[in-house]
Amino acid sequence: PAYGYLWWLNGQSTYLQPILRQETQG
């Protein structure tokens, strides 16, 4: 949810790190 069209978005509940694809809360 922290990714738009090639833009990174703050304020979402989780995000995936590039490469690692590790889900991070917050």
mmCIF file of all heavy atoms, coordinates in Angstrom:
data_MODEL
# 
_entry.id   MODEL 
# 
loop_
_atom_site.group_PDB 
_atom_site.id 
_atom_site.type_symbol 
_atom_site.label_atom_id 
_atom_site.label_alt_id 
_atom_site.label_comp_id 
_atom_site.label_asym_id 
_atom_site.label_entity_id 
_atom_site.label_seq_id 
_atom_site.pdbx_PDB_ins_code 
_atom_site.Cartn_x 
_atom_site.Cartn_y 
_atom_site.Cartn_z 
_atom_site.occupancy 
_atom_site.B_iso_or_equiv 
_atom_site.pdbx_formal_charge 
_atom_site.auth_seq_id 
_atom_site.auth_comp_id 
_atom_site.auth_asym_id 
_atom_site.auth_atom_id 
_atom_site.pdbx_PDB_model_num 
ATOM 1   N N   . PRO A 1 1  ? 0.802  -1.235  0.000   1.00 0.00 ? 1  PRO A N   1 
ATOM 2   C CA  . PRO A 1 1  ? 0.000  0.000   0.000   1.00 0.00 ? 1  PRO A CA  1 
ATOM 3   C C   . PRO A 1 1  ? 0.828  1.275   0.000   1.00 0.00 ? 1  PRO A C   1 
ATOM 4   O O   . PRO A 1 1  ? 0.296  2.351   -0.263  1.00 0.00 ? 1  PRO A O   1 
ATOM 5   C CB  . PRO A 1 1  ? -0.839 -0.117  1.278   1.00 0.00 ? 1  PRO A CB  1 
ATOM 6   C CG  . PRO A 1 1  ? -0.100 -1.093  2.138   1.00 0.00 ? 1  PRO A CG  1 
ATOM 7   C CD  . PRO A 1 1  ? 0.564  -2.048  1.201   1.00 0.00 ? 1  PRO A CD  1 
ATOM 8   N N   . ALA A 1 2  ? 2.120  1.168   0.262   1.00 0.00 ? 2  ALA A N   1 
ATOM 9   C CA  . ALA A 1 2  ? 2.976  2.358   0.287   1.00 0.00 ? 2  ALA A CA  1 
ATOM 10  C C   . ALA A 1 2  ? 3.565  2.661   -1.080  1.00 0.00 ? 2  ALA A C   1 
ATOM 11  O O   . ALA A 1 2  ? 4.520  3.434   -1.185  1.00 0.00 ? 2  ALA A O   1 
ATOM 12  C CB  . ALA A 1 2  ? 4.092  2.182   1.308   1.00 0.00 ? 2  ALA A CB  1 
ATOM 13  N N   . TYR A 1 3  ? 2.989  2.087   -2.140  1.00 0.00 ? 3  TYR A N   1 
ATOM 14  C CA  . TYR A 1 3  ? 3.516  2.299   -3.480  1.00 0.00 ? 3  TYR A CA  1 
ATOM 15  C C   . TYR A 1 3  ? 2.393  2.692   -4.429  1.00 0.00 ? 3  TYR A C   1 
ATOM 16  O O   . TYR A 1 3  ? 1.386  1.995   -4.542  1.00 0.00 ? 3  TYR A O   1 
ATOM 17  C CB  . TYR A 1 3  ? 4.207  1.031   -3.999  1.00 0.00 ? 3  TYR A CB  1 
ATOM 18  C CG  . TYR A 1 3  ? 5.287  1.300   -5.012  1.00 0.00 ? 3  TYR A CG  1 
ATOM 19  C CD1 . TYR A 1 3  ? 6.482  1.917   -4.633  1.00 0.00 ? 3  TYR A CD1 1 
ATOM 20  C CD2 . TYR A 1 3  ? 5.146  0.936   -6.342  1.00 0.00 ? 3  TYR A CD2 1 
ATOM 21  C CE1 . TYR A 1 3  ? 7.497  2.159   -5.557  1.00 0.00 ? 3  TYR A CE1 1 
ATOM 22  C CE2 . TYR A 1 3  ? 6.155  1.165   -7.270  1.00 0.00 ? 3  TYR A CE2 1 
ATOM 23  C CZ  . TYR A 1 3  ? 7.324  1.783   -6.867  1.00 0.00 ? 3  TYR A CZ  1 
ATOM 24  O OH  . TYR A 1 3  ? 8.327  2.027   -7.773  1.00 0.00 ? 3  TYR A OH  1 
ATOM 25  N N   . GLY A 1 4  ? 2.602  3.846   -5.116  1.00 0.00 ? 4  GLY A N   1 
ATOM 26  C CA  . GLY A 1 4  ? 1.652  4.290   -6.120  1.00 0.00 ? 4  GLY A CA  1 
ATOM 27  C C   . GLY A 1 4  ? 2.131  3.881   -7.496  1.00 0.00 ? 4  GLY A C   1 
ATOM 28  O O   . GLY A 1 4  ? 2.526  2.733   -7.706  1.00 0.00 ? 4  GLY A O   1 
ATOM 29  N N   . TYR A 1 5  ? 2.125  4.815   -8.431  1.00 0.00 ? 5  TYR A N   1 
ATOM 30  C CA  . TYR A 1 5  ? 2.751  4.572   -9.727  1.00 0.00 ? 5  TYR A CA  1 
ATOM 31  C C   . TYR A 1 5  ? 4.192  5.070   -9.634  1.00 0.00 ? 5  TYR A C   1 
ATOM 32  O O   . TYR A 1 5  ? 4.496  6.232   -9.899  1.00 0.00 ? 5  TYR A O   1 
ATOM 33  C CB  . TYR A 1 5  ? 2.033  5.319   -10.847 1.00 0.00 ? 5  TYR A CB  1 
ATOM 34  C CG  . TYR A 1 5  ? 0.654  4.823   -11.204 1.00 0.00 ? 5  TYR A CG  1 
ATOM 35  C CD1 . TYR A 1 5  ? -0.167 5.574   -12.037 1.00 0.00 ? 5  TYR A CD1 1 
ATOM 36  C CD2 . TYR A 1 5  ? 0.153  3.616   -10.723 1.00 0.00 ? 5  TYR A CD2 1 
ATOM 37  C CE1 . TYR A 1 5  ? -1.442 5.143   -12.384 1.00 0.00 ? 5  TYR A CE1 1 
ATOM 38  C CE2 . TYR A 1 5  ? -1.115 3.176   -11.049 1.00 0.00 ? 5  TYR A CE2 1 
ATOM 39  C CZ  . TYR A 1 5  ? -1.909 3.943   -11.886 1.00 0.00 ? 5  TYR A CZ  1 
ATOM 40  O OH  . TYR A 1 5  ? -3.171 3.506   -12.222 1.00 0.00 ? 5  TYR A OH  1 
ATOM 41  N N   . LEU A 1 6  ? 5.105  4.212   -9.188  1.00 0.00 ? 6  LEU A N   1 
ATOM 42  C CA  . LEU A 1 6  ? 6.533  4.514   -9.055  1.00 0.00 ? 6  LEU A CA  1 
ATOM 43  C C   . LEU A 1 6  ? 6.828  5.617   -8.042  1.00 0.00 ? 6  LEU A C   1 
ATOM 44  O O   . LEU A 1 6  ? 7.953  6.112   -7.974  1.00 0.00 ? 6  LEU A O   1 
ATOM 45  C CB  . LEU A 1 6  ? 7.154  4.858   -10.423 1.00 0.00 ? 6  LEU A CB  1 
ATOM 46  C CG  . LEU A 1 6  ? 6.943  3.810   -11.519 1.00 0.00 ? 6  LEU A CG  1 
ATOM 47  C CD1 . LEU A 1 6  ? 7.517  4.303   -12.852 1.00 0.00 ? 6  LEU A CD1 1 
ATOM 48  C CD2 . LEU A 1 6  ? 7.591  2.480   -11.136 1.00 0.00 ? 6  LEU A CD2 1 
ATOM 49  N N   . TRP A 1 7  ? 5.853  6.015   -7.251  1.00 0.00 ? 7  TRP A N   1 
ATOM 50  C CA  . TRP A 1 7  ? 6.021  6.940   -6.128  1.00 0.00 ? 7  TRP A CA  1 
ATOM 51  C C   . TRP A 1 7  ? 5.863  6.161   -4.827  1.00 0.00 ? 7  TRP A C   1 
ATOM 52  O O   . TRP A 1 7  ? 4.994  5.289   -4.709  1.00 0.00 ? 7  TRP A O   1 
ATOM 53  C CB  . TRP A 1 7  ? 4.974  8.057   -6.155  1.00 0.00 ? 7  TRP A CB  1 
ATOM 54  C CG  . TRP A 1 7  ? 5.246  9.174   -7.106  1.00 0.00 ? 7  TRP A CG  1 
ATOM 55  C CD1 . TRP A 1 7  ? 4.863  9.254   -8.413  1.00 0.00 ? 7  TRP A CD1 1 
ATOM 56  C CD2 . TRP A 1 7  ? 5.941  10.399  -6.822  1.00 0.00 ? 7  TRP A CD2 1 
ATOM 57  N NE1 . TRP A 1 7  ? 5.281  10.449  -8.961  1.00 0.00 ? 7  TRP A NE1 1 
ATOM 58  C CE2 . TRP A 1 7  ? 5.940  11.167  -8.012  1.00 0.00 ? 7  TRP A CE2 1 
ATOM 59  C CE3 . TRP A 1 7  ? 6.566  10.922  -5.683  1.00 0.00 ? 7  TRP A CE3 1 
ATOM 60  C CZ2 . TRP A 1 7  ? 6.538  12.428  -8.094  1.00 0.00 ? 7  TRP A CZ2 1 
ATOM 61  C CZ3 . TRP A 1 7  ? 7.159  12.176  -5.763  1.00 0.00 ? 7  TRP A CZ3 1 
ATOM 62  C CH2 . TRP A 1 7  ? 7.143  12.913  -6.949  1.00 0.00 ? 7  TRP A CH2 1 
ATOM 63  N N   . TRP A 1 8  ? 6.675  6.503   -3.818  1.00 0.00 ? 8  TRP A N   1 
ATOM 64  C CA  . TRP A 1 8  ? 6.528  5.943   -2.479  1.00 0.00 ? 8  TRP A CA  1 
ATOM 65  C C   . TRP A 1 8  ? 5.592  6.838   -1.665  1.00 0.00 ? 8  TRP A C   1 
ATOM 66  O O   . TRP A 1 8  ? 5.643  8.064   -1.777  1.00 0.00 ? 8  TRP A O   1 
ATOM 67  C CB  . TRP A 1 8  ? 7.882  5.823   -1.786  1.00 0.00 ? 8  TRP A CB  1 
ATOM 68  C CG  . TRP A 1 8  ? 8.732  4.724   -2.341  1.00 0.00 ? 8  TRP A CG  1 
ATOM 69  C CD1 . TRP A 1 8  ? 9.701  4.828   -3.290  1.00 0.00 ? 8  TRP A CD1 1 
ATOM 70  C CD2 . TRP A 1 8  ? 8.672  3.344   -1.984  1.00 0.00 ? 8  TRP A CD2 1 
ATOM 71  N NE1 . TRP A 1 8  ? 10.253 3.592   -3.561  1.00 0.00 ? 8  TRP A NE1 1 
ATOM 72  C CE2 . TRP A 1 8  ? 9.645  2.664   -2.773  1.00 0.00 ? 8  TRP A CE2 1 
ATOM 73  C CE3 . TRP A 1 8  ? 7.894  2.599   -1.086  1.00 0.00 ? 8  TRP A CE3 1 
ATOM 74  C CZ2 . TRP A 1 8  ? 9.855  1.284   -2.667  1.00 0.00 ? 8  TRP A CZ2 1 
ATOM 75  C CZ3 . TRP A 1 8  ? 8.104  1.226   -0.992  1.00 0.00 ? 8  TRP A CZ3 1 
ATOM 76  C CH2 . TRP A 1 8  ? 9.069  0.589   -1.766  1.00 0.00 ? 8  TRP A CH2 1 
ATOM 77  N N   . LEU A 1 9  ? 4.751  6.203   -0.835  1.00 0.00 ? 9  LEU A N   1 
ATOM 78  C CA  . LEU A 1 9  ? 3.708  6.913   -0.107  1.00 0.00 ? 9  LEU A CA  1 
ATOM 79  C C   . LEU A 1 9  ? 3.860  6.702   1.388   1.00 0.00 ? 9  LEU A C   1 
ATOM 80  O O   . LEU A 1 9  ? 3.916  5.562   1.867   1.00 0.00 ? 9  LEU A O   1 
ATOM 81  C CB  . LEU A 1 9  ? 2.322  6.409   -0.543  1.00 0.00 ? 9  LEU A CB  1 
ATOM 82  C CG  . LEU A 1 9  ? 2.101  6.180   -2.047  1.00 0.00 ? 9  LEU A CG  1 
ATOM 83  C CD1 . LEU A 1 9  ? 0.726  5.565   -2.272  1.00 0.00 ? 9  LEU A CD1 1 
ATOM 84  C CD2 . LEU A 1 9  ? 2.255  7.479   -2.824  1.00 0.00 ? 9  LEU A CD2 1 
ATOM 85  N N   . ASN A 1 10 ? 3.894  7.776   2.135   1.00 0.00 ? 10 ASN A N   1 
ATOM 86  C CA  . ASN A 1 10 ? 3.939  7.681   3.590   1.00 0.00 ? 10 ASN A CA  1 
ATOM 87  C C   . ASN A 1 10 ? 2.516  7.503   4.125   1.00 0.00 ? 10 ASN A C   1 
ATOM 88  O O   . ASN A 1 10 ? 1.536  7.602   3.400   1.00 0.00 ? 10 ASN A O   1 
ATOM 89  C CB  . ASN A 1 10 ? 4.582  8.938   4.179   1.00 0.00 ? 10 ASN A CB  1 
ATOM 90  C CG  . ASN A 1 10 ? 5.114  8.707   5.574   1.00 0.00 ? 10 ASN A CG  1 
ATOM 91  O OD1 . ASN A 1 10 ? 5.566  7.610   5.912   1.00 0.00 ? 10 ASN A OD1 1 
ATOM 92  N ND2 . ASN A 1 10 ? 5.091  9.736   6.417   1.00 0.00 ? 10 ASN A ND2 1 
ATOM 93  N N   . GLY A 1 11 ? 2.402  7.249   5.422   1.00 0.00 ? 11 GLY A N   1 
ATOM 94  C CA  . GLY A 1 11 ? 1.098  7.248   6.077   1.00 0.00 ? 11 GLY A CA  1 
ATOM 95  C C   . GLY A 1 11 ? 0.285  5.986   5.905   1.00 0.00 ? 11 GLY A C   1 
ATOM 96  O O   . GLY A 1 11 ? -0.886 5.945   6.288   1.00 0.00 ? 11 GLY A O   1 
ATOM 97  N N   . GLN A 1 12 ? 0.861  4.928   5.331   1.00 0.00 ? 12 GLN A N   1 
ATOM 98  C CA  . GLN A 1 12 ? 0.131  3.676   5.177   1.00 0.00 ? 12 GLN A CA  1 
ATOM 99  C C   . GLN A 1 12 ? 0.416  2.753   6.369   1.00 0.00 ? 12 GLN A C   1 
ATOM 100 O O   . GLN A 1 12 ? 1.368  2.945   7.110   1.00 0.00 ? 12 GLN A O   1 
ATOM 101 C CB  . GLN A 1 12 ? 0.528  2.993   3.865   1.00 0.00 ? 12 GLN A CB  1 
ATOM 102 C CG  . GLN A 1 12 ? 0.382  3.884   2.650   1.00 0.00 ? 12 GLN A CG  1 
ATOM 103 C CD  . GLN A 1 12 ? -1.023 4.423   2.471   1.00 0.00 ? 12 GLN A CD  1 
ATOM 104 O OE1 . GLN A 1 12 ? -2.001 3.681   2.573   1.00 0.00 ? 12 GLN A OE1 1 
ATOM 105 N NE2 . GLN A 1 12 ? -1.139 5.718   2.208   1.00 0.00 ? 12 GLN A NE2 1 
ATOM 106 N N   . SER A 1 13 ? -0.415 1.736   6.529   1.00 0.00 ? 13 SER A N   1 
ATOM 107 C CA  . SER A 1 13 ? -0.289 0.870   7.703   1.00 0.00 ? 13 SER A CA  1 
ATOM 108 C C   . SER A 1 13 ? 0.896  -0.082  7.607   1.00 0.00 ? 13 SER A C   1 
ATOM 109 O O   . SER A 1 13 ? 1.456  -0.503  8.621   1.00 0.00 ? 13 SER A O   1 
ATOM 110 C CB  . SER A 1 13 ? -1.573 0.061   7.902   1.00 0.00 ? 13 SER A CB  1 
ATOM 111 O OG  . SER A 1 13 ? -1.853 -0.722  6.739   1.00 0.00 ? 13 SER A OG  1 
ATOM 112 N N   . THR A 1 14 ? 1.288  -0.447  6.374   1.00 0.00 ? 14 THR A N   1 
ATOM 113 C CA  . THR A 1 14 ? 2.431  -1.333  6.167   1.00 0.00 ? 14 THR A CA  1 
ATOM 114 C C   . THR A 1 14 ? 3.138  -0.942  4.873   1.00 0.00 ? 14 THR A C   1 
ATOM 115 O O   . THR A 1 14 ? 2.597  -0.195  4.053   1.00 0.00 ? 14 THR A O   1 
ATOM 116 C CB  . THR A 1 14 ? 2.010  -2.814  6.046   1.00 0.00 ? 14 THR A CB  1 
ATOM 117 O OG1 . THR A 1 14 ? 1.187  -2.972  4.889   1.00 0.00 ? 14 THR A OG1 1 
ATOM 118 C CG2 . THR A 1 14 ? 1.260  -3.288  7.276   1.00 0.00 ? 14 THR A CG2 1 
ATOM 119 N N   . TYR A 1 15 ? 4.329  -1.470  4.685   1.00 0.00 ? 15 TYR A N   1 
ATOM 120 C CA  . TYR A 1 15 ? 5.013  -1.315  3.403   1.00 0.00 ? 15 TYR A CA  1 
ATOM 121 C C   . TYR A 1 15 ? 5.971  -2.489  3.209   1.00 0.00 ? 15 TYR A C   1 
ATOM 122 O O   . TYR A 1 15 ? 6.379  -3.151  4.168   1.00 0.00 ? 15 TYR A O   1 
ATOM 123 C CB  . TYR A 1 15 ? 5.776  0.013   3.313   1.00 0.00 ? 15 TYR A CB  1 
ATOM 124 C CG  . TYR A 1 15 ? 6.923  0.174   4.278   1.00 0.00 ? 15 TYR A CG  1 
ATOM 125 C CD1 . TYR A 1 15 ? 8.225  -0.187  3.925   1.00 0.00 ? 15 TYR A CD1 1 
ATOM 126 C CD2 . TYR A 1 15 ? 6.725  0.728   5.546   1.00 0.00 ? 15 TYR A CD2 1 
ATOM 127 C CE1 . TYR A 1 15 ? 9.283  -0.035  4.802   1.00 0.00 ? 15 TYR A CE1 1 
ATOM 128 C CE2 . TYR A 1 15 ? 7.780  0.888   6.427   1.00 0.00 ? 15 TYR A CE2 1 
ATOM 129 C CZ  . TYR A 1 15 ? 9.054  0.505   6.058   1.00 0.00 ? 15 TYR A CZ  1 
ATOM 130 O OH  . TYR A 1 15 ? 10.099 0.663   6.929   1.00 0.00 ? 15 TYR A OH  1 
ATOM 131 N N   . LEU A 1 16 ? 6.292  -2.736  1.945   1.00 0.00 ? 16 LEU A N   1 
ATOM 132 C CA  . LEU A 1 16 ? 7.281  -3.758  1.591   1.00 0.00 ? 16 LEU A CA  1 
ATOM 133 C C   . LEU A 1 16 ? 8.588  -3.072  1.231   1.00 0.00 ? 16 LEU A C   1 
ATOM 134 O O   . LEU A 1 16 ? 8.612  -2.137  0.435   1.00 0.00 ? 16 LEU A O   1 
ATOM 135 C CB  . LEU A 1 16 ? 6.806  -4.601  0.408   1.00 0.00 ? 16 LEU A CB  1 
ATOM 136 C CG  . LEU A 1 16 ? 5.632  -5.552  0.631   1.00 0.00 ? 16 LEU A CG  1 
ATOM 137 C CD1 . LEU A 1 16 ? 5.315  -6.291  -0.669  1.00 0.00 ? 16 LEU A CD1 1 
ATOM 138 C CD2 . LEU A 1 16 ? 5.931  -6.546  1.735   1.00 0.00 ? 16 LEU A CD2 1 
ATOM 139 N N   . GLN A 1 17 ? 9.681  -3.574  1.785   1.00 0.00 ? 17 GLN A N   1 
ATOM 140 C CA  . GLN A 1 17 ? 11.000 -3.069  1.432   1.00 0.00 ? 17 GLN A CA  1 
ATOM 141 C C   . GLN A 1 17 ? 11.372 -3.509  0.016   1.00 0.00 ? 17 GLN A C   1 
ATOM 142 O O   . GLN A 1 17 ? 11.028 -4.623  -0.402  1.00 0.00 ? 17 GLN A O   1 
ATOM 143 C CB  . GLN A 1 17 ? 12.043 -3.602  2.400   1.00 0.00 ? 17 GLN A CB  1 
ATOM 144 C CG  . GLN A 1 17 ? 12.126 -2.863  3.716   1.00 0.00 ? 17 GLN A CG  1 
ATOM 145 C CD  . GLN A 1 17 ? 12.997 -1.622  3.616   1.00 0.00 ? 17 GLN A CD  1 
ATOM 146 O OE1 . GLN A 1 17 ? 13.464 -1.251  2.549   1.00 0.00 ? 17 GLN A OE1 1 
ATOM 147 N NE2 . GLN A 1 17 ? 13.199 -0.959  4.740   1.00 0.00 ? 17 GLN A NE2 1 
ATOM 148 N N   . PRO A 1 18 ? 12.066 -2.673  -0.736  1.00 0.00 ? 18 PRO A N   1 
ATOM 149 C CA  . PRO A 1 18 ? 12.608 -3.125  -2.020  1.00 0.00 ? 18 PRO A CA  1 
ATOM 150 C C   . PRO A 1 18 ? 13.560 -4.306  -1.804  1.00 0.00 ? 18 PRO A C   1 
ATOM 151 O O   . PRO A 1 18 ? 14.182 -4.427  -0.751  1.00 0.00 ? 18 PRO A O   1 
ATOM 152 C CB  . PRO A 1 18 ? 13.371 -1.905  -2.537  1.00 0.00 ? 18 PRO A CB  1 
ATOM 153 C CG  . PRO A 1 18 ? 12.812 -0.753  -1.790  1.00 0.00 ? 18 PRO A CG  1 
ATOM 154 C CD  . PRO A 1 18 ? 12.389 -1.276  -0.450  1.00 0.00 ? 18 PRO A CD  1 
ATOM 155 N N   . ILE A 1 19 ? 13.654 -5.154  -2.790  1.00 0.00 ? 19 ILE A N   1 
ATOM 156 C CA  . ILE A 1 19 ? 14.569 -6.286  -2.838  1.00 0.00 ? 19 ILE A CA  1 
ATOM 157 C C   . ILE A 1 19 ? 14.180 -7.361  -1.811  1.00 0.00 ? 19 ILE A C   1 
ATOM 158 O O   . ILE A 1 19 ? 13.875 -8.498  -2.182  1.00 0.00 ? 19 ILE A O   1 
ATOM 159 C CB  . ILE A 1 19 ? 16.042 -5.877  -2.613  1.00 0.00 ? 19 ILE A CB  1 
ATOM 160 C CG1 . ILE A 1 19 ? 16.374 -4.601  -3.406  1.00 0.00 ? 19 ILE A CG1 1 
ATOM 161 C CG2 . ILE A 1 19 ? 16.969 -7.022  -2.974  1.00 0.00 ? 19 ILE A CG2 1 
ATOM 162 C CD1 . ILE A 1 19 ? 16.098 -4.683  -4.869  1.00 0.00 ? 19 ILE A CD1 1 
ATOM 163 N N   . LEU A 1 20 ? 14.184 -7.002  -0.529  1.00 0.00 ? 20 LEU A N   1 
ATOM 164 C CA  . LEU A 1 20 ? 13.890 -7.991  0.507   1.00 0.00 ? 20 LEU A CA  1 
ATOM 165 C C   . LEU A 1 20 ? 12.434 -8.426  0.502   1.00 0.00 ? 20 LEU A C   1 
ATOM 166 O O   . LEU A 1 20 ? 12.113 -9.530  0.920   1.00 0.00 ? 20 LEU A O   1 
ATOM 167 C CB  . LEU A 1 20 ? 14.240 -7.422  1.890   1.00 0.00 ? 20 LEU A CB  1 
ATOM 168 C CG  . LEU A 1 20 ? 15.696 -7.046  2.135   1.00 0.00 ? 20 LEU A CG  1 
ATOM 169 C CD1 . LEU A 1 20 ? 15.859 -6.429  3.508   1.00 0.00 ? 20 LEU A CD1 1 
ATOM 170 C CD2 . LEU A 1 20 ? 16.588 -8.271  1.991   1.00 0.00 ? 20 LEU A CD2 1 
ATOM 171 N N   . ARG A 1 21 ? 11.549 -7.523  0.061   1.00 0.00 ? 21 ARG A N   1 
ATOM 172 C CA  . ARG A 1 21 ? 10.107 -7.770  0.080   1.00 0.00 ? 21 ARG A CA  1 
ATOM 173 C C   . ARG A 1 21 ? 9.617  -8.104  1.483   1.00 0.00 ? 21 ARG A C   1 
ATOM 174 O O   . ARG A 1 21 ? 8.656  -8.842  1.672   1.00 0.00 ? 21 ARG A O   1 
ATOM 175 C CB  . ARG A 1 21 ? 9.724  -8.891  -0.905  1.00 0.00 ? 21 ARG A CB  1 
ATOM 176 C CG  . ARG A 1 21 ? 10.068 -8.607  -2.356  1.00 0.00 ? 21 ARG A CG  1 
ATOM 177 C CD  . ARG A 1 21 ? 9.553  -9.668  -3.310  1.00 0.00 ? 21 ARG A CD  1 
ATOM 178 N NE  . ARG A 1 21 ? 8.097  -9.726  -3.292  1.00 0.00 ? 21 ARG A NE  1 
ATOM 179 C CZ  . ARG A 1 21 ? 7.380  -10.685 -2.726  1.00 0.00 ? 21 ARG A CZ  1 
ATOM 180 N NH1 . ARG A 1 21 ? 7.994  -11.695 -2.099  1.00 0.00 ? 21 ARG A NH1 1 
ATOM 181 N NH2 . ARG A 1 21 ? 6.076  -10.668 -2.759  1.00 0.00 ? 21 ARG A NH2 1 
ATOM 182 N N   . GLN A 1 22 ? 10.262 -7.568  2.469   1.00 0.00 ? 22 GLN A N   1 
ATOM 183 C CA  . GLN A 1 22 ? 9.881  -7.809  3.861   1.00 0.00 ? 22 GLN A CA  1 
ATOM 184 C C   . GLN A 1 22 ? 8.815  -6.814  4.275   1.00 0.00 ? 22 GLN A C   1 
ATOM 185 O O   . GLN A 1 22 ? 8.986  -5.604  4.133   1.00 0.00 ? 22 GLN A O   1 
ATOM 186 C CB  . GLN A 1 22 ? 11.111 -7.655  4.765   1.00 0.00 ? 22 GLN A CB  1 
ATOM 187 C CG  . GLN A 1 22 ? 10.822 -7.761  6.244   1.00 0.00 ? 22 GLN A CG  1 
ATOM 188 C CD  . GLN A 1 22 ? 12.076 -7.546  7.074   1.00 0.00 ? 22 GLN A CD  1 
ATOM 189 O OE1 . GLN A 1 22 ? 13.188 -7.699  6.577   1.00 0.00 ? 22 GLN A OE1 1 
ATOM 190 N NE2 . GLN A 1 22 ? 11.891 -7.178  8.324   1.00 0.00 ? 22 GLN A NE2 1 
ATOM 191 N N   . GLU A 1 23 ? 7.680  -7.309  4.775   1.00 0.00 ? 23 GLU A N   1 
ATOM 192 C CA  . GLU A 1 23 ? 6.612  -6.415  5.204   1.00 0.00 ? 23 GLU A CA  1 
ATOM 193 C C   . GLU A 1 23 ? 6.967  -5.776  6.547   1.00 0.00 ? 23 GLU A C   1 
ATOM 194 O O   . GLU A 1 23 ? 7.347  -6.459  7.490   1.00 0.00 ? 23 GLU A O   1 
ATOM 195 C CB  . GLU A 1 23 ? 5.281  -7.167  5.329   1.00 0.00 ? 23 GLU A CB  1 
ATOM 196 C CG  . GLU A 1 23 ? 4.122  -6.244  5.687   1.00 0.00 ? 23 GLU A CG  1 
ATOM 197 C CD  . GLU A 1 23 ? 2.784  -6.954  5.702   1.00 0.00 ? 23 GLU A CD  1 
ATOM 198 O OE1 . GLU A 1 23 ? 2.509  -7.650  6.705   1.00 0.00 ? 23 GLU A OE1 1 
ATOM 199 O OE2 . GLU A 1 23 ? 2.012  -6.815  4.731   1.00 0.00 ? 23 GLU A OE2 1 
ATOM 200 N N   . THR A 1 24 ? 6.856  -4.471  6.599   1.00 0.00 ? 24 THR A N   1 
ATOM 201 C CA  . THR A 1 24 ? 7.139  -3.720  7.815   1.00 0.00 ? 24 THR A CA  1 
ATOM 202 C C   . THR A 1 24 ? 5.878  -3.009  8.252   1.00 0.00 ? 24 THR A C   1 
ATOM 203 O O   . THR A 1 24 ? 5.198  -2.369  7.450   1.00 0.00 ? 24 THR A O   1 
ATOM 204 C CB  . THR A 1 24 ? 8.260  -2.697  7.572   1.00 0.00 ? 24 THR A CB  1 
ATOM 205 O OG1 . THR A 1 24 ? 9.426  -3.382  7.105   1.00 0.00 ? 24 THR A OG1 1 
ATOM 206 C CG2 . THR A 1 24 ? 8.599  -1.940  8.848   1.00 0.00 ? 24 THR A CG2 1 
ATOM 207 N N   . GLN A 1 25 ? 5.557  -3.114  9.522   1.00 0.00 ? 25 GLN A N   1 
ATOM 208 C CA  . GLN A 1 25 ? 4.372  -2.456  10.054  1.00 0.00 ? 25 GLN A CA  1 
ATOM 209 C C   . GLN A 1 25 ? 4.624  -0.964  10.253  1.00 0.00 ? 25 GLN A C   1 
ATOM 210 O O   . GLN A 1 25 ? 5.718  -0.553  10.631  1.00 0.00 ? 25 GLN A O   1 
ATOM 211 C CB  . GLN A 1 25 ? 3.972  -3.072  11.398  1.00 0.00 ? 25 GLN A CB  1 
ATOM 212 C CG  . GLN A 1 25 ? 3.585  -4.543  11.318  1.00 0.00 ? 25 GLN A CG  1 
ATOM 213 C CD  . GLN A 1 25 ? 2.357  -4.775  10.464  1.00 0.00 ? 25 GLN A CD  1 
ATOM 214 O OE1 . GLN A 1 25 ? 1.338  -4.090  10.623  1.00 0.00 ? 25 GLN A OE1 1 
ATOM 215 N NE2 . GLN A 1 25 ? 2.441  -5.732  9.554   1.00 0.00 ? 25 GLN A NE2 1 
ATOM 216 N N   . GLY A 1 26 ? 3.592  -0.153  9.986   1.00 0.00 ? 26 GLY A N   1 
ATOM 217 C CA  . GLY A 1 26 ? 3.702  1.282   10.187  1.00 0.00 ? 26 GLY A CA  1 
ATOM 218 C C   . GLY A 1 26 ? 4.088  2.005   8.911   1.00 0.00 ? 26 GLY A C   1 
ATOM 219 O O   . GLY A 1 26 ? 4.355  1.385   7.870   1.00 0.00 ? 26 GLY A O   1 
# 
